[in-house]
N, C-alpha and C. Protein backbone atom coordinates (compact mmCIF):
# COMPACT_ATOMS: atom_id res chain seq x y z
N UNK A 1 -43.31 -34.78 -1.86
CA UNK A 1 -42.38 -33.59 -2.26
C UNK A 1 -41.79 -33.92 -3.64
N UNK A 2 -41.74 -32.92 -4.62
CA UNK A 2 -41.40 -33.22 -5.71
C UNK A 2 -39.96 -32.47 -5.58
N UNK A 3 -39.02 -33.16 -6.39
CA UNK A 3 -37.52 -32.73 -6.29
C UNK A 3 -37.29 -32.78 -7.77
N UNK A 4 -36.57 -31.67 -8.32
CA UNK A 4 -35.68 -31.80 -9.86
C UNK A 4 -34.30 -32.00 -9.61
N UNK A 5 -33.69 -32.99 -10.26
CA UNK A 5 -32.61 -33.08 -10.13
C UNK A 5 -31.79 -33.38 -11.62
N UNK A 6 -30.47 -33.13 -11.68
CA UNK A 6 -29.50 -33.31 -13.24
C UNK A 6 -28.81 -34.28 -12.63
N UNK A 7 -29.23 -35.31 -13.62
CA UNK A 7 -28.36 -36.51 -13.74
C UNK A 7 -28.18 -36.80 -15.26
N UNK A 8 -26.92 -37.45 -15.41
CA UNK A 8 -26.60 -37.90 -16.69
C UNK A 8 -27.28 -38.75 -17.37
N UNK A 9 -27.78 -38.33 -18.52
CA UNK A 9 -28.88 -39.13 -19.33
C UNK A 9 -28.38 -40.62 -19.57
N UNK A 10 -27.32 -41.04 -19.85
CA UNK A 10 -26.83 -42.24 -19.83
C UNK A 10 -27.34 -43.28 -18.66
N UNK A 11 -26.95 -42.61 -17.63
CA UNK A 11 -27.25 -43.04 -16.13
C UNK A 11 -28.70 -43.16 -15.99
N UNK A 12 -29.46 -42.43 -16.39
CA UNK A 12 -30.89 -42.40 -16.27
C UNK A 12 -31.23 -43.57 -17.19
N UNK A 13 -30.93 -43.73 -18.34
CA UNK A 13 -31.38 -44.91 -19.20
C UNK A 13 -30.97 -46.27 -18.54
N UNK A 14 -29.80 -46.28 -17.86
CA UNK A 14 -29.39 -47.65 -17.28
C UNK A 14 -30.27 -47.87 -16.02
N UNK A 15 -30.49 -47.06 -15.42
CA UNK A 15 -31.10 -47.11 -14.25
C UNK A 15 -32.99 -47.46 -14.77
N UNK A 16 -33.37 -46.83 -15.54
CA UNK A 16 -34.64 -46.97 -16.00
C UNK A 16 -35.02 -48.59 -16.28
N UNK A 17 -33.64 -49.05 -17.11
CA UNK A 17 -33.90 -50.55 -17.56
C UNK A 17 -33.81 -51.39 -16.17
N UNK A 18 -33.03 -50.73 -15.22
CA UNK A 18 -32.91 -51.78 -14.11
C UNK A 18 -34.10 -51.78 -13.26
N UNK A 19 -34.71 -50.67 -13.45
CA UNK A 19 -36.06 -50.47 -12.76
C UNK A 19 -37.28 -51.26 -13.40
N UNK A 20 -37.16 -51.31 -14.73
CA UNK A 20 -38.06 -52.16 -15.67
C UNK A 20 -37.94 -53.86 -15.18
N UNK A 21 -36.63 -54.01 -15.09
CA UNK A 21 -36.27 -55.32 -14.81
C UNK A 21 -36.97 -55.91 -13.31
N UNK A 22 -37.07 -54.80 -12.46
CA UNK A 22 -37.37 -55.21 -11.01
C UNK A 22 -38.93 -54.77 -10.82
N UNK A 23 -39.35 -54.44 -12.05
CA UNK A 23 -40.94 -53.87 -12.04
C UNK A 23 -41.12 -53.02 -11.11
N UNK A 24 -40.50 -51.83 -11.40
CA UNK A 24 -40.83 -50.54 -10.51
C UNK A 24 -40.32 -49.59 -11.41
N UNK A 25 -40.46 -48.39 -10.71
CA UNK A 25 -40.00 -47.04 -11.53
C UNK A 25 -38.56 -46.48 -11.12
N UNK A 26 -38.09 -45.60 -11.73
CA UNK A 26 -37.01 -44.78 -11.33
C UNK A 26 -37.34 -44.16 -10.10
N UNK A 27 -38.29 -43.47 -10.23
CA UNK A 27 -39.12 -42.45 -9.18
C UNK A 27 -39.12 -43.34 -7.81
N UNK A 28 -39.60 -44.65 -7.88
CA UNK A 28 -39.92 -45.62 -6.66
C UNK A 28 -38.42 -46.07 -6.13
N UNK A 29 -37.39 -46.27 -7.06
CA UNK A 29 -36.13 -46.90 -6.76
C UNK A 29 -35.46 -45.59 -5.82
N UNK A 30 -35.25 -44.55 -6.49
CA UNK A 30 -34.86 -43.17 -5.75
C UNK A 30 -35.37 -43.05 -4.44
N UNK A 31 -36.77 -43.12 -4.35
CA UNK A 31 -37.46 -42.88 -2.86
C UNK A 31 -37.17 -43.68 -2.05
N UNK A 32 -36.97 -45.32 -2.62
CA UNK A 32 -36.87 -46.51 -1.58
C UNK A 32 -35.49 -46.18 -1.13
N UNK A 33 -34.39 -45.63 -2.10
CA UNK A 33 -33.18 -45.66 -1.51
C UNK A 33 -32.82 -44.48 -0.85
N UNK A 34 -33.46 -43.42 -0.91
CA UNK A 34 -33.42 -42.33 0.05
C UNK A 34 -34.21 -42.68 1.52
N UNK A 35 -35.04 -43.38 1.52
CA UNK A 35 -35.89 -43.73 2.65
C UNK A 35 -35.11 -44.70 3.24
N UNK A 36 -34.08 -45.71 2.59
CA UNK A 36 -33.25 -46.65 3.44
C UNK A 36 -32.27 -45.78 3.88
N UNK A 37 -31.70 -44.72 3.25
CA UNK A 37 -30.67 -44.26 3.66
C UNK A 37 -31.05 -43.52 4.98
N UNK A 38 -32.12 -42.78 4.98
CA UNK A 38 -32.55 -42.20 6.32
C UNK A 38 -32.93 -43.22 7.54
N UNK A 39 -33.40 -44.13 7.20
CA UNK A 39 -33.75 -45.06 8.09
C UNK A 39 -32.47 -45.68 8.90
N UNK A 40 -31.36 -46.18 7.94
CA UNK A 40 -30.07 -46.49 8.43
C UNK A 40 -29.23 -45.20 9.10
N UNK A 41 -29.50 -44.29 8.59
CA UNK A 41 -28.78 -43.10 9.43
C UNK A 41 -29.32 -43.10 10.94
N UNK A 42 -30.79 -43.22 11.08
CA UNK A 42 -31.13 -43.04 12.38
C UNK A 42 -30.93 -44.18 13.20
N UNK A 43 -31.03 -45.49 12.55
CA UNK A 43 -30.49 -46.63 13.08
C UNK A 43 -29.19 -46.77 13.64
N UNK A 44 -28.48 -46.15 13.00
CA UNK A 44 -27.01 -45.96 13.25
C UNK A 44 -26.82 -44.92 14.35
N UNK A 45 -27.30 -43.91 14.21
CA UNK A 45 -26.94 -42.90 15.44
C UNK A 45 -27.54 -43.43 16.80
N UNK A 46 -28.77 -44.09 16.55
CA UNK A 46 -29.36 -44.78 17.88
C UNK A 46 -28.36 -45.89 18.44
N UNK A 47 -27.94 -46.72 17.56
CA UNK A 47 -26.87 -47.57 18.04
C UNK A 47 -25.59 -47.07 18.49
N UNK A 48 -24.99 -45.92 18.07
CA UNK A 48 -24.08 -45.20 18.61
C UNK A 48 -24.52 -44.65 19.99
N UNK A 49 -25.32 -44.06 20.12
CA UNK A 49 -25.97 -43.41 21.36
C UNK A 49 -26.03 -44.88 22.57
N UNK A 50 -26.74 -45.98 22.03
CA UNK A 50 -26.75 -46.88 22.88
C UNK A 50 -25.22 -47.40 23.54
N UNK A 51 -24.40 -47.67 22.47
CA UNK A 51 -23.00 -47.98 22.65
C UNK A 51 -22.49 -47.20 23.58
N UNK A 52 -22.49 -45.72 23.44
CA UNK A 52 -22.27 -44.65 24.35
C UNK A 52 -22.69 -44.73 26.12
N UNK A 53 -23.99 -45.17 25.99
CA UNK A 53 -24.72 -45.12 27.31
C UNK A 53 -24.17 -46.60 27.92
N UNK A 54 -23.85 -47.61 27.13
CA UNK A 54 -23.36 -49.06 27.47
C UNK A 54 -21.96 -48.65 28.23
N UNK A 55 -21.10 -47.94 27.44
CA UNK A 55 -19.76 -47.61 28.00
C UNK A 55 -19.79 -46.77 29.33
N UNK A 56 -20.70 -45.62 29.42
CA UNK A 56 -20.95 -44.79 30.55
C UNK A 56 -21.15 -46.00 31.81
N UNK A 57 -22.02 -46.75 31.44
CA UNK A 57 -22.57 -47.73 32.61
C UNK A 57 -21.41 -48.65 32.98
N UNK A 58 -20.40 -49.01 32.14
CA UNK A 58 -19.45 -49.88 32.30
C UNK A 58 -18.51 -49.07 33.41
N UNK A 59 -17.86 -47.80 32.73
CA UNK A 59 -16.93 -47.32 33.54
C UNK A 59 -17.45 -45.96 34.65
N UNK A 60 -18.64 -45.87 34.71
CA UNK A 60 -19.06 -45.00 35.87
C UNK A 60 -18.93 -45.85 37.06
N UNK A 61 -18.77 -44.89 38.12
CA UNK A 61 -18.43 -45.37 39.67
C UNK A 61 -19.48 -44.65 40.60
N UNK A 62 -19.98 -45.11 41.37
CA UNK A 62 -20.85 -44.43 42.56
C UNK A 62 -19.73 -44.01 43.43
N UNK A 63 -19.44 -42.50 43.59
CA UNK A 63 -18.50 -41.92 44.46
C UNK A 63 -19.30 -41.29 45.53
N UNK A 64 -20.38 -41.56 45.57
CA UNK A 64 -21.39 -41.08 46.77
C UNK A 64 -21.54 -39.62 46.81
N UNK A 65 -21.82 -38.98 47.74
CA UNK A 65 -22.20 -37.72 47.51
C UNK A 65 -20.95 -36.86 47.74
N UNK A 66 -21.26 -35.55 47.16
CA UNK A 66 -19.68 -34.94 46.99
C UNK A 66 -19.76 -34.37 48.66
N UNK A 67 -18.31 -34.40 48.78
CA UNK A 67 -17.61 -33.70 50.17
C UNK A 67 -17.25 -32.18 50.22
N UNK A 68 -17.55 -31.67 49.06
CA UNK A 68 -17.15 -30.21 48.83
C UNK A 68 -18.36 -29.60 48.06
N UNK A 69 -18.27 -28.19 48.14
CA UNK A 69 -19.19 -27.27 47.67
C UNK A 69 -18.62 -26.53 46.53
N UNK A 70 -19.30 -25.93 45.74
CA UNK A 70 -19.07 -24.98 44.86
C UNK A 70 -18.16 -23.98 45.27
N UNK A 71 -18.43 -23.52 46.28
CA UNK A 71 -17.78 -22.55 47.10
C UNK A 71 -16.36 -22.68 47.63
N UNK A 72 -16.34 -24.06 48.17
CA UNK A 72 -15.05 -24.64 48.46
C UNK A 72 -14.03 -24.64 47.26
N UNK A 73 -14.68 -24.77 46.12
CA UNK A 73 -13.84 -24.98 44.84
C UNK A 73 -12.95 -23.55 44.62
N UNK A 74 -13.98 -22.28 44.70
CA UNK A 74 -13.47 -21.00 44.67
C UNK A 74 -12.58 -20.49 45.60
N UNK A 75 -12.89 -21.18 46.77
CA UNK A 75 -11.93 -20.73 47.99
C UNK A 75 -10.58 -21.08 47.85
N UNK A 76 -10.32 -21.99 47.06
CA UNK A 76 -8.82 -22.56 47.16
C UNK A 76 -7.77 -21.47 46.59
N UNK A 77 -6.49 -21.70 47.19
CA UNK A 77 -5.62 -20.74 46.79
C UNK A 77 -5.34 -21.12 45.25
N UNK A 78 -5.19 -20.06 44.42
CA UNK A 78 -4.68 -20.37 43.04
C UNK A 78 -3.08 -20.19 43.23
N UNK A 79 -2.59 -21.32 42.25
CA UNK A 79 -1.19 -21.55 42.19
C UNK A 79 -0.78 -20.73 40.86
N UNK A 80 0.34 -20.26 40.98
CA UNK A 80 0.97 -19.40 39.60
C UNK A 80 2.25 -20.20 39.03
N UNK A 81 2.02 -20.78 38.10
CA UNK A 81 2.99 -21.48 37.17
C UNK A 81 4.12 -20.58 36.65
N UNK A 82 5.17 -20.41 36.98
CA UNK A 82 5.97 -19.77 36.20
C UNK A 82 6.95 -20.28 34.99
């Protein structure tokens, strides 16, 4: 995919020099950075999900089968708070 961006000319000059020193191109550096950013984001989300599941496993308790039905919940008298 081709993307057009507006970047300050001085910044582009500096980054092109860095790219030359690294034996690469500005385009390759931007592409590598965006790829790295996307990978870290995916990895971070997975790590967060894994931590959440680990927490669920630590704090969850088997309470056995429910001793109530949905209908029981709706049959309870409602309390009015004044």
